[in-house]
């Protein structure tokens, strides 16, 4: 499981996907999220502005999971 460290209280899901290198552009992240291909803590999320906090685990289309620390 890949870990991404953030220095703030939270990060928006769309920004995290780009930071983690799971998508090339923010517009790609928007589409994946809208299509229900992203999970946060094993729950499908369709809100791109979803706040993600340390301890949350994110997955895109069943790819390797990412843990926010």
Protein backbone atom coordinates (compact mmCIF):
# COMPACT_ATOMS: atom_id res chain seq x y z
CA UNK A 1 0.00 0.00 0.00
CA UNK A 2 1.39 3.34 -1.06
CA UNK A 3 1.37 6.11 1.55
CA UNK A 4 0.88 9.79 0.79
CA UNK A 5 1.82 12.26 3.51
CA UNK A 6 -0.10 15.52 3.74
CA UNK A 7 0.87 18.51 5.84
CA UNK A 8 -2.64 19.88 6.23
CA UNK A 9 -5.68 18.66 8.16
CA UNK A 10 -7.25 17.25 4.97
CA UNK A 11 -6.90 17.16 1.19
CA UNK A 12 -9.66 17.08 -1.42
CA UNK A 13 -10.08 13.74 -3.14
CA UNK A 14 -9.48 15.12 -6.63
CA UNK A 15 -6.21 16.70 -5.50
CA UNK A 16 -5.09 13.51 -3.78
CA UNK A 17 -5.60 11.40 -6.91
CA UNK A 18 -3.39 13.78 -8.86
CA UNK A 19 -0.77 14.02 -6.08
CA UNK A 20 -0.59 10.23 -5.82
CA UNK A 21 -0.06 9.92 -9.58
CA UNK A 22 -3.23 7.90 -10.15
CA UNK A 23 -4.43 10.43 -12.73
CA UNK A 24 -2.58 12.78 -15.05
CA UNK A 25 -5.02 15.68 -14.88
CA UNK A 26 -7.67 16.95 -12.52
CA UNK A 27 -10.24 16.49 -15.28
CA UNK A 28 -9.43 12.75 -15.34
CA UNK A 29 -10.00 12.57 -11.59
CA UNK A 30 -13.36 14.32 -12.01
CA UNK A 31 -14.51 11.70 -14.51
CA UNK A 32 -13.36 8.71 -12.43
CA UNK A 33 -15.07 10.10 -9.34
CA UNK A 34 -18.30 10.92 -11.20
CA UNK A 35 -18.36 7.39 -12.67
CA UNK A 36 -18.13 5.83 -9.20
CA UNK A 37 -14.68 4.31 -9.76
CA UNK A 38 -13.11 5.75 -6.60
CA UNK A 39 -13.54 4.44 -3.07
CA UNK A 40 -12.65 6.01 0.26
CA UNK A 41 -12.48 3.46 3.06
CA UNK A 42 -14.18 0.92 0.73
CA UNK A 43 -17.16 3.23 0.11
CA UNK A 44 -17.81 4.53 -3.43
CA UNK A 45 -17.51 8.31 -3.53
CA UNK A 46 -18.97 10.50 -6.28
CA UNK A 47 -18.18 13.88 -4.68
CA UNK A 48 -14.89 15.20 -6.06
CA UNK A 49 -14.59 17.79 -3.29
CA UNK A 50 -14.74 15.04 -0.65
CA UNK A 51 -12.31 15.80 2.15
CA UNK A 52 -9.82 13.03 2.80
CA UNK A 53 -8.05 12.83 6.17
CA UNK A 54 -5.00 11.00 7.50
CA UNK A 55 -5.91 7.36 8.04
CA UNK A 56 -8.27 7.23 5.05
CA UNK A 57 -7.62 4.59 2.38
CA UNK A 58 -8.35 5.43 -1.25
CA UNK A 59 -8.58 3.15 -4.29
CA UNK A 60 -9.15 3.94 -7.96
CA UNK A 61 -10.70 1.21 -10.15
CA UNK A 62 -9.37 -1.49 -7.86
CA UNK A 63 -5.74 -0.36 -8.30
CA UNK A 64 -3.27 -0.43 -5.46
CA UNK A 65 -4.67 1.30 -2.41
CA UNK A 66 -3.30 4.56 -1.08
CA UNK A 67 -3.23 5.50 2.58
CA UNK A 68 -3.20 9.13 3.62
CA UNK A 69 -0.82 9.84 6.49
